[in-house]
Amino acid sequence: MTTFVDRVELHVAAGNGGHGCASVHREKFKPLGGPDGGNGGRGGDVILVVDQSVTTLLEYHHSPHRKATNGKPGEGGNRSGKDGQDLVLTVPDGTVVLDKQGNVLADLVGEGTTYVAAQGGRGGLGNAALASARRKAPGFALLGEPGDTGDIVLELKTVADVALVGYPSAGKSSLISVLSAAKPKIADYPFTTLVPNLGVVTAGSTVYTIADVPGLIPGASQGKGLGLEFLRHVERCSVLVHVLDTATLESDRDPVSDLDVIEEELKIYGGGLEKRPRLVVLNKVDIPDGQDLADMIRPELEERGYQVYEVSAVARTGLKELSFALADIVAKARARRPKQEATRIVIRPKAVDDAGFTVTYDEAEDLYRVRGEKPERWVKQTDFNNDEAVGYLADRLNRLGVEDELMKAGARAGDGVAIGPDENAVVFDWEPTMMAGAEMLGRRGEDHRMDAPRPAVQRRKEKEAQRGDSAQREFDEFRPF
C-alpha cells in the first residue's frame, strides 16, 4: 500500500459565478416599479496552503479531482446570490506547483504560504445594476463567468538543512536514527528505505533538520532504481553528507569508488548540487575490517579537500563531533542567505495607447480574431438568446473601439469575426451597424415602457384643446362672407 507520494497530477476547477437576475418590481397599483434583479455570487477559488503537519501528497493521489462550489444566482428584490465557498487544499512545506509543460507556477515554502491554483468566476450583474438614465428597465442580466479549470502538477521537495546521500545499506537510516528522534525502518537488505526520512538535530544553540535520501545507485539520474524519484529532495538541502560503507561485503565496491559514482550522479542531475558544501562520513568503523579500511582511505579523501568523520551508528561513536560540524556548516549557510526584504508593491500602469484588445486576420480560417480580457469576458457574460443582451454587448464592444479597429484592419460587412480563444471562440458575421431586437424599443438597450405617463389633468386639457381647435376650424369653414 502506498504511504508516501511526492508527485501528483491534480485536476482543479474553480466555481462558476452565479447568473444575474432580470426582475421587475411589482406591487398593487404599481405594475412596473423598476428593475430589482440582484447580482450573482462569485465562484469559489481553489487555494493551495502550506501546512507543516502535512508531509505527503497521498491524499491527492487517491482523489485528484477537486472542485470549488459555484456562486448562487441573484434573485428579485435586489437580493444578491451567495458567493461560492473557496476550496483550501493543504500541501507539505516545499511543494512546487508546475503546469503540464513543466513550467514552475509557484514554489510554496514556509508555513501559511498560499497560491490560487484556480480562480472562481465573477458573478453576473442583475438588471438593477445595469439600469441607467437611458436604459431604465433592462430586460436582461449578465451571465456568471465560468471558473478556471486546468491540470497542475505538485512535486514535493523536502525542506531540510542536511541531506544524507550514499549507496543503499550504507547506514544512512541508522545514522539519522541516532542523530535525531526519527525512527526509520532499518534492515540488512538494499532499498529498505523507500521514502525520505526527516529528523531534527540539536547541536548546542543550533537546531537543524536532516534528511535521509534513499535509492541512489549508478544511473540514478537517468531513472535507475529509486534515485530519480528522490533526487529532487536533495535540491533544497544546504549541506550534503556522503555516507560511505567501510564494511561492504561486495567485492567490486569500495568507499572511494562509491563516492565518485554518487558525485557523478549529482553532477548529471544538476540544480547546483555539485557546488553545495559537503563532508564525508565513514560509517561502520566499529567493525575491525571497517576501521582498517577507514584508516587506508581517509588520507586520500582529505587530499581531495573533504572533511572526514569516522562514526559508528551502532556503537554511537563520533556522533557528537559530526553533529557539531554539521551545525557549523548549516549556520554559515544560513548566514549567507540574503535577508528577506520588505514586500514592495510594484505598480505597472497600462500604456496610454493600450486598447486592451487586439484584432488580427486569420488567413487559414478567413476571419478576424478579437483577443483581449474585456471582450472575452463580455462574451462569456452575454445571453445570446436575448436580443437586448446582444445589443448591450454590441454597444460595449463599440465603446471599447472594436468596430473601429475592425474597419482599420480591413473588415467589411459580412466578414466573420471570432471573439475568444481559438478552440472556444464565439463567431458571428460582422455588421458595422449591428442591429438588435432592442432596436424596436428605440435605441439599443433602451426601454420606453418606463417613461412616466402624463398626468390625467394634462391629458384632459390637451383633449379639450383639440376639441376647441376642431370646433374653430368648423366655424371658419362655414362662416358666411
Protein backbone atom coordinates (compact mmCIF):
# COMPACT_ATOMS: atom_id res chain seq x y z
CA MET A 1 0.00 0.00 0.00
CA THR A 2 1.30 3.45 -0.95
CA THR A 3 2.10 5.56 2.13
CA PHE A 4 4.28 8.29 0.64
CA VAL A 5 3.62 10.23 -2.55
CA ASP A 6 5.77 13.19 -3.61
CA ARG A 7 4.39 13.84 -7.10
CA VAL A 8 0.78 14.01 -8.23
CA GLU A 9 -1.24 15.44 -11.09
CA LEU A 10 -4.18 17.43 -9.82
CA HIS A 11 -7.27 18.40 -11.80
CA VAL A 12 -8.67 21.60 -10.34
CA ALA A 13 -11.84 23.51 -11.19
CA ALA A 14 -12.94 26.76 -9.58
CA GLY A 15 -16.59 27.55 -9.05
CA ASN A 16 -18.67 29.30 -11.68
CA GLY A 17 -20.14 32.70 -10.98
CA GLY A 18 -23.89 32.87 -10.42
CA HIS A 19 -26.10 34.42 -13.09
CA GLY A 20 -27.60 37.84 -12.56
CA CYS A 21 -31.37 38.13 -12.25
CA ALA A 22 -33.68 40.05 -14.59
CA SER A 23 -36.67 41.08 -12.50
CA VAL A 24 -39.14 43.99 -12.30
CA HIS A 25 -40.63 45.15 -9.02
CA ARG A 26 -44.39 44.73 -8.96
CA GLU A 27 -46.98 45.71 -6.42
CA LYS A 28 -50.60 46.83 -6.38
CA PHE A 29 -51.22 49.99 -8.42
CA LYS A 30 -47.55 49.90 -9.48
CA PRO A 31 -47.13 47.10 -12.03
CA LEU A 32 -43.78 48.41 -13.33
CA GLY A 33 -41.92 49.53 -10.24
CA GLY A 34 -38.48 49.38 -11.81
CA PRO A 35 -35.80 46.70 -12.14
CA ASP A 36 -34.85 44.87 -8.96
CA GLY A 37 -32.80 41.87 -10.15
CA GLY A 38 -29.83 41.07 -7.89
CA ASN A 39 -26.27 40.15 -8.85
CA GLY A 40 -24.96 36.59 -8.95
CA GLY A 41 -22.45 35.37 -6.36
CA ARG A 42 -18.73 34.85 -7.04
CA GLY A 43 -17.49 31.31 -7.67
CA GLY A 44 -15.14 29.76 -5.10
CA ASP A 45 -11.36 29.64 -5.64
CA VAL A 46 -9.10 26.59 -5.36
CA ILE A 47 -6.28 27.61 -2.99
CA LEU A 48 -3.14 25.70 -2.02
CA VAL A 49 -1.87 26.38 1.51
CA VAL A 50 1.33 25.10 3.16
CA ASP A 51 0.67 23.15 6.35
CA GLN A 52 3.62 21.88 8.40
CA SER A 53 1.60 18.94 9.68
CA VAL A 54 1.19 17.57 6.14
CA THR A 55 4.16 15.53 4.93
CA THR A 56 2.89 13.73 1.81
CA LEU A 57 0.68 14.27 -1.24
CA LEU A 58 -1.02 10.91 -0.70
CA GLU A 59 -4.48 12.45 -0.29
CA TYR A 60 -4.39 13.91 -3.81
CA HIS A 61 -3.03 10.67 -5.26
CA HIS A 62 -6.27 8.92 -4.32
CA SER A 63 -8.62 11.79 -5.24
CA PRO A 64 -7.01 14.04 -7.87
CA HIS A 65 -10.21 15.82 -8.97
CA ARG A 66 -11.00 18.88 -6.85
CA LYS A 67 -13.72 21.48 -7.48
CA ALA A 68 -14.87 24.55 -5.58
CA THR A 69 -18.56 25.42 -5.23
CA ASN A 70 -20.44 27.68 -7.62
CA GLY A 71 -21.89 31.06 -6.78
CA LYS A 72 -25.66 31.29 -6.36
CA PRO A 73 -27.76 33.23 -8.89
CA GLY A 74 -29.25 36.59 -7.97
CA GLU A 75 -32.91 36.97 -7.10
CA GLY A 76 -35.62 39.59 -7.34
CA GLY A 77 -35.97 42.22 -4.68
CA ASN A 78 -32.31 43.26 -5.15
CA ARG A 79 -31.12 40.07 -3.45
CA SER A 80 -27.61 39.08 -4.48
CA GLY A 81 -26.61 35.45 -4.75
CA LYS A 82 -24.34 33.84 -2.17
CA ASP A 83 -20.64 33.54 -3.03
CA GLY A 84 -19.22 30.07 -3.62
CA GLN A 85 -17.03 28.61 -0.87
CA ASP A 86 -13.29 28.55 -1.50
CA LEU A 87 -11.68 25.10 -1.59
CA VAL A 88 -8.50 25.13 0.53
CA LEU A 89 -6.04 22.29 -0.16
CA THR A 90 -3.21 21.79 2.34
CA VAL A 91 0.18 20.76 0.95
CA PRO A 92 3.55 19.97 2.55
CA ASP A 93 6.23 22.59 3.01
CA GLY A 94 8.43 22.63 -0.10
CA THR A 95 5.74 21.82 -2.66
CA VAL A 96 6.39 23.07 -6.19
CA VAL A 97 3.44 23.78 -8.49
CA LEU A 98 4.01 23.18 -12.21
CA ASP A 99 1.87 23.19 -15.33
CA LYS A 100 1.59 20.25 -17.71
CA GLN A 101 4.61 21.50 -19.69
CA GLY A 102 6.82 21.54 -16.58
CA ASN A 103 6.89 25.33 -16.10
CA VAL A 104 7.07 26.37 -12.45
CA LEU A 105 3.96 28.28 -11.36
CA ALA A 106 4.75 28.59 -7.64
CA ASP A 107 7.26 27.39 -5.06
CA LEU A 108 5.48 27.01 -1.74
CA VAL A 109 7.94 27.27 1.11
CA GLY A 110 7.01 28.39 4.62
CA GLU A 111 4.01 27.83 6.87
CA GLY A 112 0.88 29.53 5.55
CA THR A 113 2.21 30.25 2.05
CA THR A 114 -0.74 30.28 -0.37
CA TYR A 115 -1.27 30.01 -4.11
CA VAL A 116 -4.56 30.36 -6.01
CA ALA A 117 -4.50 27.40 -8.38
CA ALA A 118 -7.86 28.22 -9.98
CA GLN A 119 -9.81 31.45 -9.67
CA GLY A 120 -13.56 31.49 -9.36
CA GLY A 121 -15.73 33.21 -11.94
CA ARG A 122 -17.31 36.58 -11.35
CA GLY A 123 -21.00 36.76 -10.72
CA GLY A 124 -23.20 38.29 -13.40
CA LEU A 125 -24.82 41.69 -12.84
CA GLY A 126 -28.57 41.82 -12.37
CA ASN A 127 -30.75 44.19 -14.35
CA ALA A 128 -30.91 46.58 -11.36
CA ALA A 129 -27.16 47.16 -11.67
CA LEU A 130 -27.46 47.57 -15.45
CA ALA A 131 -30.15 50.25 -15.28
CA SER A 132 -29.19 53.77 -16.35
CA ALA A 133 -30.83 57.01 -17.38
CA ARG A 134 -31.41 55.78 -20.93
CA ARG A 135 -31.83 52.09 -20.05
CA LYS A 136 -34.39 52.34 -17.31
CA ALA A 137 -35.68 48.78 -17.31
CA PRO A 138 -33.23 46.32 -18.87
CA GLY A 139 -34.94 43.11 -19.85
CA PHE A 140 -31.77 41.09 -19.40
CA ALA A 141 -29.00 40.32 -16.93
CA LEU A 142 -25.40 39.21 -17.34
CA LEU A 143 -24.40 35.59 -17.02
CA GLY A 144 -21.89 34.45 -14.43
CA GLU A 145 -18.38 33.77 -15.69
CA PRO A 146 -17.12 30.17 -15.67
CA GLY A 147 -14.36 29.44 -13.17
CA ASP A 148 -10.83 28.49 -14.17
CA THR A 149 -10.16 24.83 -14.87
CA GLY A 150 -6.92 23.04 -15.61
CA ASP A 151 -4.36 20.44 -14.65
CA ILE A 152 -1.41 21.15 -12.38
CA VAL A 153 1.44 19.01 -11.13
CA LEU A 154 2.52 19.05 -7.48
CA GLU A 155 6.07 17.99 -6.65
CA LEU A 156 7.37 17.74 -3.11
CA LYS A 157 10.96 18.74 -2.45
CA THR A 158 11.97 18.07 1.13
CA VAL A 159 12.90 21.18 3.07
CA ALA A 160 15.95 20.14 5.12
CA ASP A 161 19.34 21.59 6.04
CA VAL A 162 21.36 18.39 5.62
CA ALA A 163 20.94 15.52 3.15
CA LEU A 164 22.47 12.08 3.73
CA VAL A 165 23.36 10.50 0.39
CA GLY A 166 25.00 7.22 -0.42
CA TYR A 167 24.52 3.69 -1.64
CA PRO A 168 21.70 1.54 -0.27
CA SER A 169 22.61 -0.15 3.05
CA ALA A 170 25.41 2.36 3.70
CA GLY A 171 23.87 3.07 7.10
CA LYS A 172 22.03 6.36 6.39
CA SER A 173 18.84 5.30 8.19
CA SER A 174 20.80 4.08 11.18
CA LEU A 175 22.72 7.34 11.29
CA ILE A 176 19.63 9.55 11.21
CA SER A 177 18.01 7.40 13.89
CA VAL A 178 20.86 8.07 16.37
CA LEU A 179 21.36 11.72 15.45
CA SER A 180 17.67 12.57 15.83
CA ALA A 181 14.42 11.16 17.13
CA ALA A 182 13.43 9.82 13.71
CA LYS A 183 12.53 6.11 13.63
CA PRO A 184 13.03 4.87 10.07
CA LYS A 185 12.81 1.25 9.03
CA ILE A 186 16.23 -0.42 9.28
CA ALA A 187 17.15 -3.78 7.75
CA ASP A 188 20.15 -5.51 6.20
CA TYR A 189 18.97 -5.51 2.57
CA PRO A 190 19.18 -2.86 -0.16
CA PHE A 191 16.34 -0.38 -0.69
CA THR A 192 15.00 -0.80 2.81
CA THR A 193 14.28 2.92 2.79
CA LEU A 194 11.62 3.71 0.19
CA VAL A 195 10.75 7.25 1.29
CA PRO A 196 12.83 10.19 2.56
CA ASN A 197 13.12 10.28 6.34
CA LEU A 198 13.32 13.61 8.14
CA GLY A 199 14.77 14.25 11.60
CA VAL A 200 15.57 17.25 13.80
CA VAL A 201 19.03 17.58 15.38
CA THR A 202 20.06 19.93 18.18
CA ALA A 203 23.77 20.78 18.47
CA GLY A 204 24.43 23.50 21.02
CA SER A 205 22.32 26.53 20.09
CA THR A 206 21.79 25.37 16.51
CA VAL A 207 18.76 23.33 15.54
CA TYR A 208 18.69 21.89 12.03
CA THR A 209 16.87 19.23 10.04
CA ILE A 210 18.48 16.22 8.41
CA ALA A 211 17.03 14.05 5.63
CA ASP A 212 17.86 10.52 4.55
CA VAL A 213 17.59 10.40 0.74
CA PRO A 214 17.11 6.80 -0.49
CA GLY A 215 17.78 4.96 -3.69
CA LEU A 216 20.99 6.41 -5.11
CA ILE A 217 22.81 3.92 -7.34
CA PRO A 218 24.73 4.22 -10.63
CA GLY A 219 22.34 5.62 -13.24
CA ALA A 220 20.00 7.16 -10.67
CA SER A 221 19.90 10.46 -12.58
CA GLN A 222 18.64 8.53 -15.64
CA GLY A 223 15.89 6.79 -13.72
CA LYS A 224 17.53 3.61 -12.46
CA GLY A 225 16.46 2.38 -9.05
CA LEU A 226 14.63 4.96 -6.97
CA GLY A 227 17.16 7.76 -7.39
CA LEU A 228 15.34 9.87 -9.97
CA GLU A 229 12.23 9.88 -7.80
CA PHE A 230 14.09 11.23 -4.78
CA LEU A 231 16.97 13.30 -6.14
CA ARG A 232 14.62 16.30 -6.10
CA HIS A 233 14.59 16.04 -2.31
CA VAL A 234 18.27 16.97 -2.23
CA GLU A 235 17.79 20.27 -4.10
CA ARG A 236 16.81 22.38 -1.08
CA CYS A 237 19.43 21.00 1.31
CA SER A 238 22.29 23.31 2.32
CA VAL A 239 24.80 20.53 3.10
CA LEU A 240 25.43 17.13 1.52
CA VAL A 241 26.83 14.29 3.60
CA HIS A 242 28.32 11.29 1.82
CA VAL A 243 27.75 8.22 3.98
CA LEU A 244 30.29 5.58 2.92
CA ASP A 245 30.13 1.95 3.98
CA THR A 246 33.57 0.81 5.14
CA ALA A 247 32.37 -2.73 5.81
CA THR A 248 30.71 -3.56 2.50
CA LEU A 249 30.61 -7.24 1.57
CA GLU A 250 30.56 -6.61 -2.18
CA SER A 251 33.97 -7.31 -3.71
CA ASP A 252 33.52 -4.93 -6.65
CA ARG A 253 32.88 -1.88 -4.44
CA ASP A 254 34.98 0.33 -2.22
CA PRO A 255 34.14 3.60 -0.42
CA VAL A 256 36.13 5.85 -2.76
CA SER A 257 34.51 4.49 -5.93
CA ASP A 258 31.09 4.76 -4.22
CA LEU A 259 31.82 8.43 -3.55
CA ASP A 260 32.84 9.04 -7.18
CA VAL A 261 29.68 7.38 -8.50
CA ILE A 262 27.35 9.43 -6.28
CA GLU A 263 29.22 12.65 -7.14
CA GLU A 264 28.80 11.90 -10.84
CA GLU A 265 25.05 11.31 -10.41
CA LEU A 266 24.66 14.59 -8.53
CA LYS A 267 26.57 16.41 -11.26
CA ILE A 268 24.44 14.91 -14.02
CA TYR A 269 21.23 15.76 -12.17
CA GLY A 270 22.29 19.41 -11.95
CA GLY A 271 20.44 22.00 -9.95
CA GLY A 272 23.68 23.32 -8.46
CA LEU A 273 24.17 20.21 -6.32
CA GLU A 274 27.83 19.94 -7.30
CA LYS A 275 28.50 23.31 -5.61
CA ARG A 276 26.90 22.53 -2.23
CA PRO A 277 29.09 22.20 0.87
CA ARG A 278 29.73 18.54 1.63
CA LEU A 279 31.59 16.28 4.01
CA VAL A 280 32.26 12.56 4.22
CA VAL A 281 31.18 10.12 6.92
CA LEU A 282 32.96 6.78 7.12
CA ASN A 283 30.37 4.56 8.75
CA LYS A 284 30.60 1.14 10.46
CA VAL A 285 34.10 1.65 11.88
CA ASP A 286 33.04 -0.50 14.86
CA ILE A 287 33.79 -3.50 12.64
CA PRO A 288 37.57 -4.33 12.60
CA ASP A 289 37.77 -4.53 8.82
CA GLY A 290 35.79 -1.28 8.61
CA GLN A 291 38.25 0.59 10.81
CA ASP A 292 41.20 -0.74 8.80
CA LEU A 293 39.62 0.39 5.53
CA ALA A 294 38.79 3.81 7.00
CA ASP A 295 42.42 4.30 8.02
CA MET A 296 43.52 3.45 4.45
CA ILE A 297 41.20 5.79 2.53
CA ARG A 298 40.99 8.74 4.91
CA PRO A 299 44.24 10.38 3.70
CA GLU A 300 43.08 10.20 0.08
CA LEU A 301 39.73 11.79 0.89
CA GLU A 302 41.36 14.59 2.90
CA GLU A 303 43.70 15.28 -0.03
CA ARG A 304 40.59 15.90 -2.14
CA GLY A 305 39.52 18.57 0.34
CA TYR A 306 36.78 16.67 2.18
CA GLN A 307 36.15 16.88 5.90
CA VAL A 308 36.14 13.23 7.02
CA TYR A 309 34.44 11.86 10.14
CA GLU A 310 34.60 8.27 11.33
CA VAL A 311 31.41 7.15 13.07
CA SER A 312 29.55 4.08 14.16
CA ALA A 313 25.77 4.30 14.31
CA VAL A 314 25.64 1.03 16.25
CA ALA A 315 28.33 1.87 18.82
CA ARG A 316 27.34 5.57 18.77
CA THR A 317 30.90 6.82 18.41
CA GLY A 318 31.92 10.00 16.62
CA LEU A 319 28.35 11.33 16.54
CA LYS A 320 28.89 14.41 18.69
CA GLU A 321 31.77 15.71 16.57
CA LEU A 322 29.73 15.09 13.40
CA SER A 323 26.60 16.85 14.69
CA PHE A 324 28.53 19.96 15.75
CA ALA A 325 30.43 20.05 12.45
CA LEU A 326 27.13 19.94 10.56
CA ALA A 327 25.72 22.65 12.82
CA ASP A 328 28.67 24.91 11.99
CA ILE A 329 28.23 24.43 8.23
CA VAL A 330 24.47 24.96 8.45
CA ALA A 331 24.93 28.18 10.45
CA LYS A 332 27.34 29.53 7.84
CA ALA A 333 24.97 28.58 5.03
CA ARG A 334 22.09 30.36 6.77
CA ALA A 335 24.25 33.46 7.24
CA ARG A 336 24.97 33.56 3.51
CA ARG A 337 21.30 33.60 2.60
CA PRO A 338 20.05 37.03 1.58
CA LYS A 339 17.84 38.67 4.15
CA GLN A 340 14.22 38.87 3.18
CA GLU A 341 13.38 42.39 2.11
CA ALA A 342 10.16 44.13 2.90
CA THR A 343 7.41 43.45 0.40
CA ARG A 344 7.39 46.03 -2.33
CA ILE A 345 4.26 46.92 -4.22
CA VAL A 346 5.05 47.31 -7.91
CA ILE A 347 2.55 49.33 -9.92
CA ARG A 348 2.68 48.83 -13.66
CA PRO A 349 0.16 51.17 -15.31
CA LYS A 350 -1.01 50.35 -18.78
CA ALA A 351 0.38 52.30 -21.68
CA VAL A 352 -1.76 55.21 -22.83
CA ASP A 353 -2.08 53.64 -26.28
CA ASP A 354 -3.03 50.19 -24.94
CA ALA A 355 -6.55 49.47 -26.18
CA GLY A 356 -6.87 46.33 -24.09
CA PHE A 357 -7.52 44.09 -27.10
CA THR A 358 -6.06 43.11 -30.45
CA VAL A 359 -7.60 42.48 -33.87
CA THR A 360 -5.80 40.12 -36.24
CA TYR A 361 -6.74 38.45 -39.50
CA ASP A 362 -6.62 34.64 -39.59
CA GLU A 363 -5.93 33.63 -43.18
CA ALA A 364 -6.45 29.93 -42.50
CA GLU A 365 -9.95 30.45 -41.12
CA ASP A 366 -10.67 33.55 -43.24
CA LEU A 367 -11.94 35.61 -40.31
CA TYR A 368 -10.85 38.33 -37.91
CA ARG A 369 -9.93 37.38 -34.35
CA VAL A 370 -10.50 39.70 -31.42
CA ARG A 371 -8.45 38.84 -28.33
CA GLY A 372 -8.47 40.72 -25.04
CA GLU A 373 -9.56 40.39 -21.44
CA LYS A 374 -12.62 42.62 -21.67
CA PRO A 375 -14.10 41.40 -24.99
CA GLU A 376 -13.63 37.76 -23.99
CA ARG A 377 -15.16 38.34 -20.57
CA TRP A 378 -18.13 40.23 -22.02
CA VAL A 379 -18.85 37.43 -24.48
CA LYS A 380 -18.94 34.91 -21.61
CA GLN A 381 -21.42 37.12 -19.75
CA THR A 382 -23.83 37.50 -22.66
CA ASP A 383 -27.05 35.52 -23.07
CA PHE A 384 -27.24 35.17 -26.86
CA ASN A 385 -30.86 34.04 -26.64
CA ASN A 386 -31.79 37.57 -25.55
CA ASP A 387 -31.71 40.19 -28.32
CA GLU A 388 -31.47 43.02 -25.84
CA ALA A 389 -28.44 41.40 -24.19
CA VAL A 390 -26.80 41.02 -27.61
CA GLY A 391 -27.45 44.67 -28.31
CA TYR A 392 -25.86 45.59 -24.98
CA LEU A 393 -22.78 43.54 -25.93
CA ALA A 394 -22.60 45.34 -29.27
CA ASP A 395 -22.73 48.70 -27.51
CA ARG A 396 -19.91 47.71 -25.14
CA LEU A 397 -17.70 46.49 -27.97
CA ASN A 398 -18.38 49.65 -29.94
CA ARG A 399 -17.50 51.89 -26.99
CA LEU A 400 -14.28 49.91 -26.48
CA GLY A 401 -13.32 50.63 -30.08
CA VAL A 402 -13.58 47.12 -31.52
CA GLU A 403 -15.63 48.21 -34.53
CA ASP A 404 -13.14 50.96 -35.37
CA GLU A 405 -10.23 48.53 -35.20
CA LEU A 406 -12.08 46.04 -37.40
CA MET A 407 -12.56 48.75 -40.01
CA LYS A 408 -8.87 49.69 -39.82
CA ALA A 409 -7.96 46.02 -40.27
CA GLY A 410 -9.99 45.91 -43.49
CA ALA A 411 -13.09 44.10 -42.28
CA ARG A 412 -16.22 44.51 -44.34
CA ALA A 413 -19.87 43.83 -43.70
CA GLY A 414 -20.50 40.08 -43.61
CA ASP A 415 -16.93 39.10 -42.69
CA GLY A 416 -16.51 36.54 -39.94
CA VAL A 417 -15.34 37.79 -36.53
CA ALA A 418 -14.30 35.49 -33.68
CA ILE A 419 -14.00 36.63 -30.07
CA GLY A 420 -12.29 34.39 -27.53
CA PRO A 421 -9.77 31.52 -27.50
CA ASP A 422 -9.20 29.73 -30.79
CA GLU A 423 -10.70 26.47 -29.54
CA ASN A 424 -13.79 28.04 -27.95
CA ALA A 425 -14.50 31.32 -29.72
CA VAL A 426 -17.83 32.96 -30.48
CA VAL A 427 -18.05 33.53 -34.23
CA PHE A 428 -20.52 35.89 -35.92
CA ASP A 429 -20.93 37.80 -39.18
CA TRP A 430 -19.91 41.38 -38.59
CA GLU A 431 -22.16 44.30 -39.44
CA PRO A 432 -20.71 47.79 -38.77
CA THR A 433 -24.10 48.99 -37.51
CA MET A 434 -25.23 45.87 -35.72
CA MET A 435 -28.99 45.89 -35.08
CA ALA A 436 -30.55 44.00 -32.24
CA GLY A 437 -34.09 43.22 -31.23
CA ALA A 438 -33.91 46.01 -28.68
CA GLU A 439 -33.79 48.49 -31.59
CA MET A 440 -37.54 48.09 -31.90
CA LEU A 441 -37.84 49.69 -28.50
CA GLY A 442 -35.74 52.68 -29.53
CA ARG A 443 -32.02 52.95 -29.21
CA ARG A 444 -30.21 49.73 -28.35
CA GLY A 445 -30.77 48.72 -24.77
CA GLU A 446 -33.41 51.41 -24.12
CA ASP A 447 -36.94 50.70 -22.95
CA HIS A 448 -39.64 53.35 -23.13
CA ARG A 449 -42.13 51.32 -21.12
CA MET A 450 -40.83 53.01 -18.01
CA ASP A 451 -41.37 56.56 -19.28
CA ALA A 452 -43.62 58.36 -16.80
CA PRO A 453 -47.19 58.83 -18.21
CA ARG A 454 -48.50 62.36 -18.48
CA PRO A 455 -50.81 63.45 -15.66
CA ALA A 456 -54.54 62.95 -16.24
CA VAL A 457 -55.23 66.69 -15.93
CA GLN A 458 -52.72 67.49 -18.64
CA ARG A 459 -54.20 64.84 -20.93
CA ARG A 460 -57.72 66.25 -20.34
CA LYS A 461 -56.63 69.76 -21.16
CA GLU A 462 -54.98 68.56 -24.33
CA LYS A 463 -58.17 66.79 -25.40
CA GLU A 464 -60.23 69.92 -24.67
CA ALA A 465 -57.80 71.98 -26.64
CA GLN A 466 -58.06 69.55 -29.53
CA ARG A 467 -61.88 69.73 -29.42
CA GLY A 468 -61.73 73.53 -29.29
CA ASP A 469 -59.43 73.64 -32.29
CA SER A 470 -61.76 71.33 -34.21
CA ALA A 471 -64.84 73.49 -33.44
CA GLN A 472 -62.96 76.63 -34.51
CA ARG A 473 -62.00 75.03 -37.81
CA GLU A 474 -65.63 74.03 -38.47
CA PHE A 475 -66.81 77.57 -37.71
CA ASP A 476 -64.23 79.05 -40.05
CA GLU A 477 -65.20 76.67 -42.85
CA PHE A 478 -68.93 77.52 -42.73
CA ARG A 479 -68.71 81.19 -41.75
CA PRO A 480 -70.57 83.39 -44.35
CA PHE A 481 -68.60 86.04 -46.16
